Amino acid sequence: MKATIWHNPKCSKSRQTLALLEAAPGVEVEVVEYLKHPPSAQKLAQLYHDAGMPARDGLRLSGTDARERGLTGADDATVTAAMAAEPGLIERPLVETARGVRLCRPPELVQQIL
């Protein structure tokens, strides 16, 4: 099974999730450092849709100006456009497999899609 993780190596939750993926038997891990290679707004919309959550629930609030910009109450298109333009607004890590997508906070949520 292939698993794609949108990863920030400076984030402990992201590192913990990556370690769980790498330890899982039969999982081929693709690591995307999203701060260097941000997903498009369309990809983000698909990820949040597949996770069954509104995009605003995937906003990183700590250390960002998301609240001040009104993004916590914005529609999905506005939020995903802002995230694509400023990937620091993306809460991490997001993991996608054939079984679905999870925002892995806590990291153990990745087990639901393996």
C-alpha atoms as a PDB file:
ATOM      1  CA  MET A   1       0.000   0.000   0.000  1.00  0.00           C
ATOM      2  CA  LYS A   2       1.178   3.501  -0.788  1.00  0.00           C
ATOM      3  CA  ALA A   3       0.938   6.248   1.828  1.00  0.00           C
ATOM      4  CA  THR A   4       1.651   9.890   1.104  1.00  0.00           C
ATOM      5  CA  ILE A   5       2.476  12.126   4.047  1.00  0.00           C
ATOM      6  CA  TRP A   6       2.497  15.912   3.808  1.00  0.00           C
ATOM      7  CA  HIS A   7       5.356  16.327   6.222  1.00  0.00           C
ATOM      8  CA  ASN A   8       7.196  19.011   8.152  1.00  0.00           C
ATOM      9  CA  PRO A   9      10.413  17.524   9.565  1.00  0.00           C
ATOM     10  CA  LYS A  10      10.476  20.195  12.318  1.00  0.00           C
ATOM     11  CA  CYS A  11       7.110  19.010  13.702  1.00  0.00           C
ATOM     12  CA  SER A  12       7.175  16.264  16.343  1.00  0.00           C
ATOM     13  CA  LYS A  13       3.693  14.976  15.416  1.00  0.00           C
ATOM     14  CA  SER A  14       4.728  14.778  11.786  1.00  0.00           C
ATOM     15  CA  ARG A  15       7.935  12.905  12.675  1.00  0.00           C
ATOM     16  CA  GLN A  16       5.986  10.500  14.912  1.00  0.00           C
ATOM     17  CA  THR A  17       3.461   9.812  12.150  1.00  0.00           C
ATOM     18  CA  LEU A  18       6.236   9.234   9.619  1.00  0.00           C
ATOM     19  CA  ALA A  19       7.875   6.760  12.014  1.00  0.00           C
ATOM     20  CA  LEU A  20       4.583   4.855  12.315  1.00  0.00           C
ATOM     21  CA  LEU A  21       4.262   4.732   8.528  1.00  0.00           C
ATOM     22  CA  GLU A  22       7.848   3.553   8.059  1.00  0.00           C
ATOM     23  CA  ALA A  23       7.349   0.817  10.677  1.00  0.00           C
ATOM     24  CA  ALA A  24       4.122  -0.473   9.103  1.00  0.00           C
ATOM     25  CA  PRO A  25       4.719  -3.629   7.061  1.00  0.00           C
ATOM     26  CA  GLY A  26       3.940  -3.385   3.355  1.00  0.00           C
ATOM     27  CA  VAL A  27       3.606   0.411   3.309  1.00  0.00           C
ATOM     28  CA  GLU A  28       5.476   2.364   0.647  1.00  0.00           C
ATOM     29  CA  VAL A  29       5.858   5.899   1.996  1.00  0.00           C
ATOM     30  CA  GLU A  30       6.020   9.005  -0.165  1.00  0.00           C
ATOM     31  CA  VAL A  31       7.161  12.025   1.822  1.00  0.00           C
ATOM     32  CA  VAL A  32       6.175  15.462   0.567  1.00  0.00           C
ATOM     33  CA  GLU A  33       7.730  18.344   2.468  1.00  0.00           C
ATOM     34  CA  TYR A  34       4.756  20.617   1.934  1.00  0.00           C
ATOM     35  CA  LEU A  35       6.565  23.796   2.955  1.00  0.00           C
ATOM     36  CA  LYS A  36       8.942  23.261  -0.003  1.00  0.00           C
ATOM     37  CA  HIS A  37       6.368  21.681  -2.336  1.00  0.00           C
ATOM     38  CA  PRO A  38       2.924  22.959  -1.342  1.00  0.00           C
ATOM     39  CA  PRO A  39      -0.142  21.133  -2.602  1.00  0.00           C
ATOM     40  CA  SER A  40      -2.494  23.025  -4.889  1.00  0.00           C
ATOM     41  CA  ALA A  41      -5.797  24.360  -3.638  1.00  0.00           C
ATOM     42  CA  GLN A  42      -7.488  21.613  -5.671  1.00  0.00           C
ATOM     43  CA  LYS A  43      -5.388  18.895  -4.014  1.00  0.00           C
ATOM     44  CA  LEU A  44      -6.093  20.341  -0.573  1.00  0.00           C
ATOM     45  CA  ALA A  45      -9.824  20.432  -1.328  1.00  0.00           C
ATOM     46  CA  GLN A  46      -9.667  16.756  -2.341  1.00  0.00           C
ATOM     47  CA  LEU A  47      -7.693  15.803   0.786  1.00  0.00           C
ATOM     48  CA  TYR A  48     -10.111  17.509   3.170  1.00  0.00           C
ATOM     49  CA  HIS A  49     -13.108  16.121   1.298  1.00  0.00           C
ATOM     50  CA  ASP A  50     -11.660  12.604   1.521  1.00  0.00           C
ATOM     51  CA  ALA A  51     -10.929  13.153   5.221  1.00  0.00           C
ATOM     52  CA  GLY A  52     -14.566  14.161   5.732  1.00  0.00           C
ATOM     53  CA  MET A  53     -13.671  17.513   7.245  1.00  0.00           C
ATOM     54  CA  PRO A  54     -14.021  21.155   6.266  1.00  0.00           C
ATOM     55  CA  ALA A  55     -10.765  22.754   5.186  1.00  0.00           C
ATOM     56  CA  ARG A  56     -10.906  25.250   8.054  1.00  0.00           C
ATOM     57  CA  ASP A  57     -10.516  22.311  10.466  1.00  0.00           C
ATOM     58  CA  GLY A  58      -7.140  21.737   8.814  1.00  0.00           C
ATOM     59  CA  LEU A  59      -5.884  25.264   9.480  1.00  0.00           C
ATOM     60  CA  ARG A  60      -2.795  25.671  11.585  1.00  0.00           C
ATOM     61  CA  LEU A  61      -3.725  28.297  14.149  1.00  0.00           C
ATOM     62  CA  SER A  62      -0.615  28.286  16.320  1.00  0.00           C
ATOM     63  CA  GLY A  63       2.008  30.658  14.988  1.00  0.00           C
ATOM     64  CA  THR A  64      -0.123  31.888  12.091  1.00  0.00           C
ATOM     65  CA  ASP A  65      -2.456  34.798  11.415  1.00  0.00           C
ATOM     66  CA  ALA A  66      -5.342  32.549  10.336  1.00  0.00           C
ATOM     67  CA  ARG A  67      -7.704  33.905  12.987  1.00  0.00           C
ATOM     68  CA  GLU A  68      -6.861  37.531  12.281  1.00  0.00           C
ATOM     69  CA  ARG A  69      -7.489  36.962   8.579  1.00  0.00           C
ATOM     70  CA  GLY A  70     -10.911  35.488   9.283  1.00  0.00           C
ATOM     71  CA  LEU A  71      -9.985  32.099   7.857  1.00  0.00           C
ATOM     72  CA  THR A  72     -11.534  30.145  10.737  1.00  0.00           C
ATOM     73  CA  GLY A  73     -14.978  31.130   9.460  1.00  0.00           C
ATOM     74  CA  ALA A  74     -14.199  31.211   5.738  1.00  0.00           C
ATOM     75  CA  ASP A  75     -15.506  28.835   3.093  1.00  0.00           C
ATOM     76  CA  ASP A  76     -13.399  25.901   1.891  1.00  0.00           C
ATOM     77  CA  ALA A  77     -12.348  27.572  -1.368  1.00  0.00           C
ATOM     78  CA  THR A  78     -10.994  30.608   0.476  1.00  0.00           C
ATOM     79  CA  VAL A  79      -9.186  28.465   3.037  1.00  0.00           C
ATOM     80  CA  THR A  80      -7.588  26.105   0.517  1.00  0.00           C
ATOM     81  CA  ALA A  81      -6.484  29.035  -1.643  1.00  0.00           C
ATOM     82  CA  ALA A  82      -4.836  30.648   1.387  1.00  0.00           C
ATOM     83  CA  MET A  83      -3.158  27.362   2.344  1.00  0.00           C
ATOM     84  CA  ALA A  84      -1.834  26.799  -1.172  1.00  0.00           C
ATOM     85  CA  ALA A  85      -0.420  30.336  -1.217  1.00  0.00           C
ATOM     86  CA  GLU A  86       0.985  30.088   2.329  1.00  0.00           C
ATOM     87  CA  PRO A  87       1.608  26.418   3.217  1.00  0.00           C
ATOM     88  CA  GLY A  88       2.489  27.366   6.796  1.00  0.00           C
ATOM     89  CA  LEU A  89      -1.288  27.598   7.309  1.00  0.00           C
ATOM     90  CA  ILE A  90      -1.642  23.821   6.767  1.00  0.00           C
ATOM     91  CA  GLU A  91      -1.918  21.786   9.963  1.00  0.00           C
ATOM     92  CA  ARG A  92       0.219  18.698   9.764  1.00  0.00           C
ATOM     93  CA  PRO A  93       0.616  15.935   9.059  1.00  0.00           C
ATOM     94  CA  LEU A  94      -1.921  14.927   6.454  1.00  0.00           C
ATOM     95  CA  VAL A  95      -1.662  11.312   5.294  1.00  0.00           C
ATOM     96  CA  GLU A  96      -3.382   9.822   2.247  1.00  0.00           C
ATOM     97  CA  THR A  97      -3.749   6.126   1.411  1.00  0.00           C
ATOM     98  CA  ALA A  98      -6.174   4.126  -0.691  1.00  0.00           C
ATOM     99  CA  ARG A  99      -8.258   3.786   2.486  1.00  0.00           C
ATOM    100  CA  GLY A 100      -8.678   7.518   3.045  1.00  0.00           C
ATOM    101  CA  VAL A 101      -7.086  10.651   4.424  1.00  0.00           C
ATOM    102  CA  ARG A 102      -6.411  11.659   8.020  1.00  0.00           C
ATOM    103  CA  LEU A 103      -5.033  14.704   9.738  1.00  0.00           C
ATOM    104  CA  CYS A 104      -2.853  12.698  12.103  1.00  0.00           C
ATOM    105  CA  ARG A 105      -3.144  14.622  15.322  1.00  0.00           C
ATOM    106  CA  PRO A 106      -2.612  12.454  17.303  1.00  0.00           C
ATOM    107  CA  PRO A 107      -0.232  10.418  15.127  1.00  0.00           C
ATOM    108  CA  GLU A 108      -2.006   7.149  15.952  1.00  0.00           C
ATOM    109  CA  LEU A 109      -4.932   8.217  13.751  1.00  0.00           C
ATOM    110  CA  VAL A 110      -2.833   7.018  10.810  1.00  0.00           C
ATOM    111  CA  GLN A 111      -3.701   3.434  11.841  1.00  0.00           C
ATOM    112  CA  GLN A 112      -7.302   4.064  10.674  1.00  0.00           C
ATOM    113  CA  ILE A 113      -6.177   4.248   7.044  1.00  0.00           C
ATOM    114  CA  LEU A 114      -3.510   1.531   6.967  1.00  0.00           C
END
